[in-house]
Amino acid sequence: MLISNPMNSALNEQVGFEFAASLQYVAIAAHFDQVSLLALPNSTPRDRS
């Protein structure tokens, strides 16, 4: 089954958005891995606000 050109364009655009979001998640993970949040589990919610 073939899809229409507008549907193909919309799907390609959405895939691009999803890929960009996944790269942002990786960048956030790398940042927090580098910062190392070892003290966070020992803190209370009140300490974090």
PDB file of N, CA and C in Angstrom:
ATOM      1  N   MET A   1       0.847  -1.178   0.000  1.00  0.00           N
ATOM      2  CA  MET A   1       0.000   0.000   0.000  1.00  0.00           C
ATOM      3  C   MET A   1       0.892   1.240   0.000  1.00  0.00           C
ATOM      4  N   LEU A   2       0.639   2.118  -0.913  1.00  0.00           N
ATOM      5  CA  LEU A   2       1.383   3.373  -0.997  1.00  0.00           C
ATOM      6  C   LEU A   2       0.686   4.446  -0.176  1.00  0.00           C
ATOM      7  N   ILE A   3       1.485   5.386   0.305  1.00  0.00           N
ATOM      8  CA  ILE A   3       0.897   6.510   1.037  1.00  0.00           C
ATOM      9  C   ILE A   3       1.036   7.764   0.189  1.00  0.00           C
ATOM     10  N   SER A   4       0.234   8.747   0.508  1.00  0.00           N
ATOM     11  CA  SER A   4       0.257   9.990  -0.269  1.00  0.00           C
ATOM     12  C   SER A   4       1.507  10.796   0.077  1.00  0.00           C
ATOM     13  N   ASN A   5       1.849  11.707  -0.806  1.00  0.00           N
ATOM     14  CA  ASN A   5       3.016  12.566  -0.574  1.00  0.00           C
ATOM     15  C   ASN A   5       2.874  13.413   0.688  1.00  0.00           C
ATOM     16  N   PRO A   6       1.688  14.013   0.962  1.00  0.00           N
ATOM     17  CA  PRO A   6       1.567  14.770   2.216  1.00  0.00           C
ATOM     18  C   PRO A   6       1.756  13.890   3.459  1.00  0.00           C
ATOM     19  N   MET A   7       1.231  12.658   3.407  1.00  0.00           N
ATOM     20  CA  MET A   7       1.407  11.755   4.542  1.00  0.00           C
ATOM     21  C   MET A   7       2.874  11.371   4.696  1.00  0.00           C
ATOM     22  N   ASN A   8       3.552  11.118   3.600  1.00  0.00           N
ATOM     23  CA  ASN A   8       4.973  10.789   3.630  1.00  0.00           C
ATOM     24  C   ASN A   8       5.773  11.944   4.235  1.00  0.00           C
ATOM     25  N   SER A   9       5.464  13.153   3.825  1.00  0.00           N
ATOM     26  CA  SER A   9       6.161  14.328   4.361  1.00  0.00           C
ATOM     27  C   SER A   9       5.906  14.494   5.853  1.00  0.00           C
ATOM     28  N   ALA A  10       4.665  14.293   6.254  1.00  0.00           N
ATOM     29  CA  ALA A  10       4.322  14.419   7.674  1.00  0.00           C
ATOM     30  C   ALA A  10       5.037  13.355   8.505  1.00  0.00           C
ATOM     31  N   LEU A  11       5.092  12.126   8.005  1.00  0.00           N
ATOM     32  CA  LEU A  11       5.795  11.063   8.719  1.00  0.00           C
ATOM     33  C   LEU A  11       7.284  11.354   8.818  1.00  0.00           C
ATOM     34  N   ASN A  12       7.877  11.812   7.737  1.00  0.00           N
ATOM     35  CA  ASN A  12       9.300  12.159   7.756  1.00  0.00           C
ATOM     36  C   ASN A  12       9.578  13.285   8.740  1.00  0.00           C
ATOM     37  N   GLU A  13       8.698  14.268   8.783  1.00  0.00           N
ATOM     38  CA  GLU A  13       8.866  15.370   9.726  1.00  0.00           C
ATOM     39  C   GLU A  13       8.790  14.861  11.161  1.00  0.00           C
ATOM     40  N   GLN A  14       7.831  13.989  11.448  1.00  0.00           N
ATOM     41  CA  GLN A  14       7.670  13.448  12.799  1.00  0.00           C
ATOM     42  C   GLN A  14       8.865  12.599  13.206  1.00  0.00           C
ATOM     43  N   VAL A  15       9.368  11.806  12.281  1.00  0.00           N
ATOM     44  CA  VAL A  15      10.558  11.000  12.571  1.00  0.00           C
ATOM     45  C   VAL A  15      11.737  11.919  12.902  1.00  0.00           C
ATOM     46  N   GLY A  16      11.849  13.020  12.199  1.00  0.00           N
ATOM     47  CA  GLY A  16      12.899  13.993  12.498  1.00  0.00           C
ATOM     48  C   GLY A  16      12.754  14.569  13.895  1.00  0.00           C
ATOM     49  N   PHE A  17      11.511  14.886  14.280  1.00  0.00           N
ATOM     50  CA  PHE A  17      11.263  15.402  15.636  1.00  0.00           C
ATOM     51  C   PHE A  17      11.646  14.367  16.694  1.00  0.00           C
ATOM     52  N   GLU A  18      11.262  13.124  16.451  1.00  0.00           N
ATOM     53  CA  GLU A  18      11.554  12.058  17.412  1.00  0.00           C
ATOM     54  C   GLU A  18      13.059  11.822  17.527  1.00  0.00           C
ATOM     55  N   PHE A  19      13.756  11.867  16.408  1.00  0.00           N
ATOM     56  CA  PHE A  19      15.207  11.675  16.424  1.00  0.00           C
ATOM     57  C   PHE A  19      15.881  12.818  17.182  1.00  0.00           C
ATOM     58  N   ALA A  20      15.438  14.047  16.940  1.00  0.00           N
ATOM     59  CA  ALA A  20      16.004  15.199  17.657  1.00  0.00           C
ATOM     60  C   ALA A  20      15.758  15.069  19.159  1.00  0.00           C
ATOM     61  N   ALA A  21      14.567  14.626  19.537  1.00  0.00           N
ATOM     62  CA  ALA A  21      14.263  14.444  20.957  1.00  0.00           C
ATOM     63  C   ALA A  21      15.157  13.366  21.562  1.00  0.00           C
ATOM     64  N   SER A  22      15.392  12.288  20.832  1.00  0.00           N
ATOM     65  CA  SER A  22      16.245  11.223  21.370  1.00  0.00           C
ATOM     66  C   SER A  22      17.669  11.721  21.568  1.00  0.00           C
ATOM     67  N   LEU A  23      18.145  12.568  20.673  1.00  0.00           N
ATOM     68  CA  LEU A  23      19.485  13.144  20.843  1.00  0.00           C
ATOM     69  C   LEU A  23      19.539  14.054  22.067  1.00  0.00           C
ATOM     70  N   GLN A  24      18.454  14.777  22.324  1.00  0.00           N
ATOM     71  CA  GLN A  24      18.406  15.625  23.516  1.00  0.00           C
ATOM     72  C   GLN A  24      18.441  14.779  24.782  1.00  0.00           C
ATOM     73  N   TYR A  25      17.721  13.649  24.785  1.00  0.00           N
ATOM     74  CA  TYR A  25      17.749  12.760  25.946  1.00  0.00           C
ATOM     75  C   TYR A  25      19.160  12.222  26.190  1.00  0.00           C
ATOM     76  N   VAL A  26      19.856  11.869  25.121  1.00  0.00           N
ATOM     77  CA  VAL A  26      21.225  11.374  25.262  1.00  0.00           C
ATOM     78  C   VAL A  26      22.130  12.481  25.803  1.00  0.00           C
ATOM     79  N   ALA A  27      21.955  13.702  25.315  1.00  0.00           N
ATOM     80  CA  ALA A  27      22.765  14.818  25.799  1.00  0.00           C
ATOM     81  C   ALA A  27      22.503  15.091  27.275  1.00  0.00           C
ATOM     82  N   ILE A  28      21.245  15.025  27.680  1.00  0.00           N
ATOM     83  CA  ILE A  28      20.902  15.234  29.098  1.00  0.00           C
ATOM     84  C   ILE A  28      21.525  14.125  29.947  1.00  0.00           C
ATOM     85  N   ALA A  29      21.425  12.885  29.496  1.00  0.00           N
ATOM     86  CA  ALA A  29      21.997  11.760  30.240  1.00  0.00           C
ATOM     87  C   ALA A  29      23.513  11.908  30.359  1.00  0.00           C
ATOM     88  N   ALA A  30      24.159  12.306  29.276  1.00  0.00           N
ATOM     89  CA  ALA A  30      25.612  12.487  29.312  1.00  0.00           C
ATOM     90  C   ALA A  30      26.002  13.603  30.269  1.00  0.00           C
ATOM     91  N   HIS A  31      25.218  14.669  30.268  1.00  0.00           N
ATOM     92  CA  HIS A  31      25.501  15.787  31.176  1.00  0.00           C
ATOM     93  C   HIS A  31      25.422  15.332  32.625  1.00  0.00           C
ATOM     94  N   PHE A  32      24.321  14.666  32.986  1.00  0.00           N
ATOM     95  CA  PHE A  32      24.156  14.254  34.373  1.00  0.00           C
ATOM     96  C   PHE A  32      25.107  13.127  34.754  1.00  0.00           C
ATOM     97  N   ASP A  33      25.528  12.332  33.786  1.00  0.00           N
ATOM     98  CA  ASP A  33      26.540  11.319  34.066  1.00  0.00           C
ATOM     99  C   ASP A  33      27.866  11.993  34.403  1.00  0.00           C
ATOM    100  N   GLN A  34      28.166  13.075  33.694  1.00  0.00           N
ATOM    101  CA  GLN A  34      29.403  13.803  33.934  1.00  0.00           C
ATOM    102  C   GLN A  34      29.348  14.556  35.263  1.00  0.00           C
ATOM    103  N   VAL A  35      28.208  15.144  35.579  1.00  0.00           N
ATOM    104  CA  VAL A  35      28.049  15.920  36.809  1.00  0.00           C
ATOM    105  C   VAL A  35      28.067  14.990  38.022  1.00  0.00           C
ATOM    106  N   SER A  36      27.543  13.783  37.855  1.00  0.00           N
ATOM    107  CA  SER A  36      27.472  12.777  38.910  1.00  0.00           C
ATOM    108  C   SER A  36      26.602  13.238  40.058  1.00  0.00           C
ATOM    109  N   LEU A  37      25.460  12.627  40.147  1.00  0.00           N
ATOM    110  CA  LEU A  37      24.489  13.005  41.170  1.00  0.00           C
ATOM    111  C   LEU A  37      24.475  11.989  42.316  1.00  0.00           C
ATOM    112  N   LEU A  38      25.642  11.632  42.800  1.00  0.00           N
ATOM    113  CA  LEU A  38      25.731  10.623  43.850  1.00  0.00           C
ATOM    114  C   LEU A  38      25.091  11.077  45.154  1.00  0.00           C
ATOM    115  N   ALA A  39      25.061  12.378  45.430  1.00  0.00           N
ATOM    116  CA  ALA A  39      24.500  12.871  46.684  1.00  0.00           C
ATOM    117  C   ALA A  39      22.973  12.957  46.634  1.00  0.00           C
ATOM    118  N   LEU A  40      22.375  12.899  45.471  1.00  0.00           N
ATOM    119  CA  LEU A  40      20.935  13.078  45.347  1.00  0.00           C
ATOM    120  C   LEU A  40      20.122  12.047  46.134  1.00  0.00           C
ATOM    121  N   PRO A  41      20.449  10.767  46.100  1.00  0.00           N
ATOM    122  CA  PRO A  41      19.634   9.808  46.861  1.00  0.00           C
ATOM    123  C   PRO A  41      19.658  10.063  48.375  1.00  0.00           C
ATOM    124  N   ASN A  42      20.670  10.719  48.872  1.00  0.00           N
ATOM    125  CA  ASN A  42      20.775  10.990  50.304  1.00  0.00           C
ATOM    126  C   ASN A  42      20.044  12.250  50.734  1.00  0.00           C
ATOM    127  N   SER A  43      19.545  13.010  49.787  1.00  0.00           N
ATOM    128  CA  SER A  43      18.852  14.247  50.123  1.00  0.00           C
ATOM    129  C   SER A  43      17.352  13.982  50.241  1.00  0.00           C
ATOM    130  N   THR A  44      16.666  14.896  50.895  1.00  0.00           N
ATOM    131  CA  THR A  44      15.217  14.804  51.024  1.00  0.00           C
ATOM    132  C   THR A  44      14.572  15.727  50.011  1.00  0.00           C
ATOM    133  N   PRO A  45      13.288  15.521  49.702  1.00  0.00           N
ATOM    134  CA  PRO A  45      12.609  16.426  48.766  1.00  0.00           C
ATOM    135  C   PRO A  45      12.691  17.886  49.218  1.00  0.00           C
ATOM    136  N   ARG A  46      12.667  18.130  50.502  1.00  0.00           N
ATOM    137  CA  ARG A  46      12.747  19.501  51.007  1.00  0.00           C
ATOM    138  C   ARG A  46      14.107  20.124  50.686  1.00  0.00           C
ATOM    139  N   ASP A  47      15.180  19.311  50.703  1.00  0.00           N
ATOM    140  CA  ASP A  47      16.514  19.805  50.396  1.00  0.00           C
ATOM    141  C   ASP A  47      16.637  20.218  48.939  1.00  0.00           C
ATOM    142  N   ARG A  48      15.865  19.573  48.081  1.00  0.00           N
ATOM    143  CA  ARG A  48      15.969  19.830  46.643  1.00  0.00           C
ATOM    144  C   ARG A  48      15.164  21.029  46.176  1.00  0.00           C
ATOM    145  N   SER A  49      14.275  21.568  46.991  1.00  0.00           N
ATOM    146  CA  SER A  49      13.451  22.691  46.533  1.00  0.00           C
ATOM    147  C   SER A  49      14.065  24.020  46.877  1.00  0.00           C
TER     148      SER A  49
END
